Amino acid sequence: MISDFTYKVLALPGNIQLDSVECIDWAIEMLNLGYYTPNLNRLSKCNDTISYFEIQPILKNAIKELGLHFRYEENGVISYIYYYVKKITENKDVKQNLKKIVTLYDAHYTEEKINDFFFLYWAWKDIDYDNSNFNHYWEGANKSNIENIVIEEAIKWLAKNEKHSIQLSI
């Protein structure tokens, strides 16, 4: 088991936003899960006011010590999205996490792998907008089932994209 933040951390080279506090939180979670490297330990002790530029070399070394590699281009985007999809499958802030995925969709609109999340987001917006059971984007979605549909689709997406999951043998 790894920290879910790992998916976001490994996507950093794709210019995807991650702040210093999340990097520190990642290090703390990884240590709590039993992973130890000198730089992971060093990172966990950083003050949350440290700038990302100061934390970046420590983060890079911690990733290298764990035997991980940054993910670039499409793999970076998918890795970042993986974090939010996992949160949706855990029924955590489903609507907010869906919105974060769509924000990435807007930034990387060619990512066909996340089209369903785009349509589900806009279906939910339609349903919320006029407080009805009608939407133009997802057949059968309504007020009473939209959240469950999003969770079900997230579970399917994780299964289809299992190759993007992270396994550590340390």
C-alpha atoms as a PDB file:
ATOM      1  CA  MET A   1       0.000   0.000   0.000  1.00  0.00           C
ATOM      2  CA  ILE A   2       1.227   3.490  -0.833  1.00  0.00           C
ATOM      3  CA  SER A   3       0.055   7.001  -0.123  1.00  0.00           C
ATOM      4  CA  ASP A   4      -2.500   8.140  -2.697  1.00  0.00           C
ATOM      5  CA  PHE A   5      -0.539  11.398  -2.933  1.00  0.00           C
ATOM      6  CA  THR A   6       2.123   9.382  -4.790  1.00  0.00           C
ATOM      7  CA  TYR A   7       0.002   9.610  -7.944  1.00  0.00           C
ATOM      8  CA  LYS A   8       0.062  13.395  -7.779  1.00  0.00           C
ATOM      9  CA  VAL A   9       3.723  13.621  -6.794  1.00  0.00           C
ATOM     10  CA  LEU A  10       4.851  11.523  -9.756  1.00  0.00           C
ATOM     11  CA  ALA A  11       2.898  13.749 -12.155  1.00  0.00           C
ATOM     12  CA  LEU A  12       4.831  16.903 -11.245  1.00  0.00           C
ATOM     13  CA  PRO A  13       6.914  17.209 -14.428  1.00  0.00           C
ATOM     14  CA  GLY A  14       3.708  17.736 -16.406  1.00  0.00           C
ATOM     15  CA  ASN A  15       3.368  21.199 -14.823  1.00  0.00           C
ATOM     16  CA  ILE A  16       0.477  19.989 -12.746  1.00  0.00           C
ATOM     17  CA  GLN A  17       0.018  21.934  -9.532  1.00  0.00           C
ATOM     18  CA  LEU A  18       1.185  20.421  -6.280  1.00  0.00           C
ATOM     19  CA  ASP A  19       2.164  22.542  -3.342  1.00  0.00           C
ATOM     20  CA  SER A  20       4.864  22.048  -0.740  1.00  0.00           C
ATOM     21  CA  VAL A  21       2.358  21.044   1.949  1.00  0.00           C
ATOM     22  CA  GLU A  22       1.112  18.149  -0.198  1.00  0.00           C
ATOM     23  CA  CYS A  23       4.706  17.013  -0.743  1.00  0.00           C
ATOM     24  CA  ILE A  24       5.314  17.064   3.012  1.00  0.00           C
ATOM     25  CA  ASP A  25       2.009  15.254   3.622  1.00  0.00           C
ATOM     26  CA  TRP A  26       3.034  12.632   1.083  1.00  0.00           C
ATOM     27  CA  ALA A  27       6.336  12.041   2.876  1.00  0.00           C
ATOM     28  CA  ILE A  28       4.609  11.746   6.259  1.00  0.00           C
ATOM     29  CA  GLU A  29       2.037   9.284   4.889  1.00  0.00           C
ATOM     30  CA  MET A  30       4.737   7.183   3.250  1.00  0.00           C
ATOM     31  CA  LEU A  31       6.722   7.041   6.499  1.00  0.00           C
ATOM     32  CA  ASN A  32       3.569   6.094   8.408  1.00  0.00           C
ATOM     33  CA  LEU A  33       3.005   3.288   5.896  1.00  0.00           C
ATOM     34  CA  GLY A  34       6.464   1.898   6.694  1.00  0.00           C
ATOM     35  CA  TYR A  35       8.558   3.300   3.852  1.00  0.00           C
ATOM     36  CA  TYR A  36      11.812   4.933   4.866  1.00  0.00           C
ATOM     37  CA  THR A  37      14.514   6.738   2.926  1.00  0.00           C
ATOM     38  CA  PRO A  38      16.777   9.521   4.162  1.00  0.00           C
ATOM     39  CA  ASN A  39      15.190  12.109   1.865  1.00  0.00           C
ATOM     40  CA  LEU A  40      11.653  10.970   2.632  1.00  0.00           C
ATOM     41  CA  ASN A  41      12.445  11.495   6.294  1.00  0.00           C
ATOM     42  CA  ARG A  42      14.058  14.874   5.543  1.00  0.00           C
ATOM     43  CA  LEU A  43      11.038  15.923   3.480  1.00  0.00           C
ATOM     44  CA  SER A  44       8.627  14.977   6.258  1.00  0.00           C
ATOM     45  CA  LYS A  45      10.417  17.360   8.623  1.00  0.00           C
ATOM     46  CA  CYS A  46      10.227  20.392   6.337  1.00  0.00           C
ATOM     47  CA  ASN A  47       8.294  23.417   7.503  1.00  0.00           C
ATOM     48  CA  ASP A  48       5.090  23.988   5.534  1.00  0.00           C
ATOM     49  CA  THR A  49       6.272  27.498   4.625  1.00  0.00           C
ATOM     50  CA  ILE A  50       9.137  26.103   2.518  1.00  0.00           C
ATOM     51  CA  SER A  51       8.850  27.014  -1.137  1.00  0.00           C
ATOM     52  CA  TYR A  52       8.294  24.362  -3.760  1.00  0.00           C
ATOM     53  CA  PHE A  53      11.639  25.293  -5.348  1.00  0.00           C
ATOM     54  CA  GLU A  54      13.457  24.529  -2.093  1.00  0.00           C
ATOM     55  CA  ILE A  55      11.603  21.268  -1.586  1.00  0.00           C
ATOM     56  CA  GLN A  56      11.972  20.016  -5.162  1.00  0.00           C
ATOM     57  CA  PRO A  57      15.521  18.531  -4.882  1.00  0.00           C
ATOM     58  CA  ILE A  58      14.590  16.680  -1.678  1.00  0.00           C
ATOM     59  CA  LEU A  59      11.426  15.373  -3.334  1.00  0.00           C
ATOM     60  CA  LYS A  60      13.316  14.204  -6.431  1.00  0.00           C
ATOM     61  CA  ASN A  61      15.834  12.355  -4.280  1.00  0.00           C
ATOM     62  CA  ALA A  62      13.089  10.724  -2.186  1.00  0.00           C
ATOM     63  CA  ILE A  63      11.380   9.500  -5.354  1.00  0.00           C
ATOM     64  CA  LYS A  64      14.652   8.107  -6.666  1.00  0.00           C
ATOM     65  CA  GLU A  65      15.401   6.383  -3.342  1.00  0.00           C
ATOM     66  CA  LEU A  66      12.000   4.668  -3.461  1.00  0.00           C
ATOM     67  CA  GLY A  67      12.766   3.367  -6.950  1.00  0.00           C
ATOM     68  CA  LEU A  68       9.992   5.449  -8.483  1.00  0.00           C
ATOM     69  CA  HIS A  69      10.102   7.616 -11.589  1.00  0.00           C
ATOM     70  CA  PHE A  70       8.295  10.772 -12.580  1.00  0.00           C
ATOM     71  CA  ARG A  71       5.530  10.310 -15.112  1.00  0.00           C
ATOM     72  CA  TYR A  72       5.484  12.515 -18.175  1.00  0.00           C
ATOM     73  CA  GLU A  73       2.944  13.729 -20.717  1.00  0.00           C
ATOM     74  CA  GLU A  74      -0.124  11.457 -20.939  1.00  0.00           C
ATOM     75  CA  ASN A  75       1.145   9.167 -18.185  1.00  0.00           C
ATOM     76  CA  GLY A  76       1.570  12.186 -15.919  1.00  0.00           C
ATOM     77  CA  VAL A  77      -1.949  13.400 -16.575  1.00  0.00           C
ATOM     78  CA  ILE A  78      -3.393   9.929 -16.029  1.00  0.00           C
ATOM     79  CA  SER A  79      -1.387   9.551 -12.820  1.00  0.00           C
ATOM     80  CA  TYR A  80      -2.709  12.848 -11.510  1.00  0.00           C
ATOM     81  CA  ILE A  81      -6.270  11.917 -12.443  1.00  0.00           C
ATOM     82  CA  TYR A  82      -5.789   8.506 -10.815  1.00  0.00           C
ATOM     83  CA  TYR A  83      -5.545  10.270  -7.444  1.00  0.00           C
ATOM     84  CA  TYR A  84      -8.947  11.944  -7.843  1.00  0.00           C
ATOM     85  CA  VAL A  85     -10.607   8.853  -9.289  1.00  0.00           C
ATOM     86  CA  LYS A  86      -9.433   6.834  -6.278  1.00  0.00           C
ATOM     87  CA  LYS A  87     -11.001   9.430  -3.978  1.00  0.00           C
ATOM     88  CA  ILE A  88     -14.280   9.152  -5.902  1.00  0.00           C
ATOM     89  CA  THR A  89     -14.292   5.357  -5.531  1.00  0.00           C
ATOM     90  CA  GLU A  90     -13.892   5.893  -1.776  1.00  0.00           C
ATOM     91  CA  ASN A  91     -16.975   8.159  -1.888  1.00  0.00           C
ATOM     92  CA  LYS A  92     -14.916  11.164  -0.773  1.00  0.00           C
ATOM     93  CA  ASP A  93     -16.062  14.570  -2.041  1.00  0.00           C
ATOM     94  CA  VAL A  94     -17.362  12.988  -5.234  1.00  0.00           C
ATOM     95  CA  LYS A  95     -18.583  16.196  -6.859  1.00  0.00           C
ATOM     96  CA  GLN A  96     -15.436  18.176  -5.965  1.00  0.00           C
ATOM     97  CA  ASN A  97     -13.103  15.432  -7.174  1.00  0.00           C
ATOM     98  CA  LEU A  98     -15.087  15.109 -10.392  1.00  0.00           C
ATOM     99  CA  LYS A  99     -14.658  18.848 -10.913  1.00  0.00           C
ATOM    100  CA  LYS A 100     -10.869  18.521 -10.449  1.00  0.00           C
ATOM    101  CA  ILE A 101     -10.785  15.828 -13.132  1.00  0.00           C
ATOM    102  CA  VAL A 102     -12.757  18.047 -15.501  1.00  0.00           C
ATOM    103  CA  THR A 103     -10.348  20.910 -14.843  1.00  0.00           C
ATOM    104  CA  LEU A 104      -7.615  18.598 -16.099  1.00  0.00           C
ATOM    105  CA  TYR A 105      -9.825  17.636 -19.028  1.00  0.00           C
ATOM    106  CA  ASP A 106     -10.075  21.296 -19.963  1.00  0.00           C
ATOM    107  CA  ALA A 107      -6.297  21.665 -19.773  1.00  0.00           C
ATOM    108  CA  HIS A 108      -5.654  18.418 -21.709  1.00  0.00           C
ATOM    109  CA  TYR A 109      -8.777  18.147 -23.848  1.00  0.00           C
ATOM    110  CA  THR A 110      -7.358  15.419 -26.063  1.00  0.00           C
ATOM    111  CA  GLU A 111      -7.413  12.905 -23.228  1.00  0.00           C
ATOM    112  CA  GLU A 112     -10.141  10.559 -24.455  1.00  0.00           C
ATOM    113  CA  LYS A 113      -9.536   8.381 -21.413  1.00  0.00           C
ATOM    114  CA  ILE A 114     -11.412  10.868 -19.243  1.00  0.00           C
ATOM    115  CA  ASN A 115     -14.287  11.779 -21.561  1.00  0.00           C
ATOM    116  CA  ASP A 116     -16.834   9.951 -19.395  1.00  0.00           C
ATOM    117  CA  PHE A 117     -15.925  12.138 -16.410  1.00  0.00           C
ATOM    118  CA  PHE A 118     -16.415  15.229 -18.564  1.00  0.00           C
ATOM    119  CA  PHE A 119     -19.917  14.088 -19.573  1.00  0.00           C
ATOM    120  CA  LEU A 120     -20.820  13.073 -16.017  1.00  0.00           C
ATOM    121  CA  TYR A 121     -19.695  16.441 -14.675  1.00  0.00           C
ATOM    122  CA  TRP A 122     -21.872  18.317 -17.144  1.00  0.00           C
ATOM    123  CA  ALA A 123     -24.805  15.956 -16.540  1.00  0.00           C
ATOM    124  CA  TRP A 124     -24.556  16.758 -12.834  1.00  0.00           C
ATOM    125  CA  LYS A 125     -24.368  20.473 -13.637  1.00  0.00           C
ATOM    126  CA  ASP A 126     -27.535  20.187 -15.754  1.00  0.00           C
ATOM    127  CA  ILE A 127     -29.344  18.333 -12.983  1.00  0.00           C
ATOM    128  CA  ASP A 128     -28.256  20.888 -10.377  1.00  0.00           C
ATOM    129  CA  TYR A 129     -28.981  23.873 -12.611  1.00  0.00           C
ATOM    130  CA  ASP A 130     -32.687  23.404 -13.105  1.00  0.00           C
ATOM    131  CA  ASN A 131     -33.205  21.060 -10.159  1.00  0.00           C
ATOM    132  CA  SER A 132     -34.722  18.439 -12.419  1.00  0.00           C
ATOM    133  CA  ASN A 133     -34.008  14.934 -13.523  1.00  0.00           C
ATOM    134  CA  PHE A 134     -33.082  15.999 -17.046  1.00  0.00           C
ATOM    135  CA  ASN A 135     -29.622  16.349 -18.529  1.00  0.00           C
ATOM    136  CA  HIS A 136     -28.114  16.355 -22.002  1.00  0.00           C
ATOM    137  CA  TYR A 137     -24.977  14.381 -21.211  1.00  0.00           C
ATOM    138  CA  TRP A 138     -25.643  11.030 -19.500  1.00  0.00           C
ATOM    139  CA  GLU A 139     -28.745   9.011 -20.282  1.00  0.00           C
ATOM    140  CA  GLY A 140     -30.578   7.839 -17.186  1.00  0.00           C
ATOM    141  CA  ALA A 141     -28.713  10.099 -14.768  1.00  0.00           C
ATOM    142  CA  ASN A 142     -30.910  12.030 -12.347  1.00  0.00           C
ATOM    143  CA  LYS A 143     -30.778  13.674  -8.912  1.00  0.00           C
ATOM    144  CA  SER A 144     -31.150  10.406  -7.064  1.00  0.00           C
ATOM    145  CA  ASN A 145     -28.470   8.418  -8.904  1.00  0.00           C
ATOM    146  CA  ILE A 146     -25.857  10.780 -10.384  1.00  0.00           C
ATOM    147  CA  GLU A 147     -23.405  10.378  -7.500  1.00  0.00           C
ATOM    148  CA  ASN A 148     -23.646   6.575  -7.635  1.00  0.00           C
ATOM    149  CA  ILE A 149     -23.166   6.612 -11.401  1.00  0.00           C
ATOM    150  CA  VAL A 150     -19.993   8.681 -10.986  1.00  0.00           C
ATOM    151  CA  ILE A 151     -18.667   6.251  -8.367  1.00  0.00           C
ATOM    152  CA  GLU A 152     -19.487   3.236 -10.573  1.00  0.00           C
ATOM    153  CA  GLU A 153     -17.768   4.827 -13.571  1.00  0.00           C
ATOM    154  CA  ALA A 154     -14.747   5.652 -11.412  1.00  0.00           C
ATOM    155  CA  ILE A 155     -14.488   1.999 -10.346  1.00  0.00           C
ATOM    156  CA  LYS A 156     -14.643   0.926 -14.002  1.00  0.00           C
ATOM    157  CA  TRP A 157     -12.016   3.533 -14.945  1.00  0.00           C
ATOM    158  CA  LEU A 158      -9.601   2.277 -12.276  1.00  0.00           C
ATOM    159  CA  ALA A 159     -10.020  -1.287 -13.536  1.00  0.00           C
ATOM    160  CA  LYS A 160      -9.359  -0.183 -17.145  1.00  0.00           C
ATOM    161  CA  ASN A 161      -6.328   1.863 -16.107  1.00  0.00           C
ATOM    162  CA  GLU A 162      -4.814  -0.559 -13.626  1.00  0.00           C
ATOM    163  CA  LYS A 163      -1.516  -0.440 -15.522  1.00  0.00           C
ATOM    164  CA  HIS A 164      -1.119   3.099 -14.167  1.00  0.00           C
ATOM    165  CA  SER A 165      -1.269   1.954 -10.544  1.00  0.00           C
ATOM    166  CA  ILE A 166       1.905   2.157  -8.482  1.00  0.00           C
ATOM    167  CA  GLN A 167       3.444  -0.858  -6.820  1.00  0.00           C
ATOM    168  CA  LEU A 168       6.418  -0.560  -4.508  1.00  0.00           C
ATOM    169  CA  SER A 169       8.504  -3.516  -3.446  1.00  0.00           C
ATOM    170  CA  ILE A 170      10.528  -1.748  -0.749  1.00  0.00           C
END
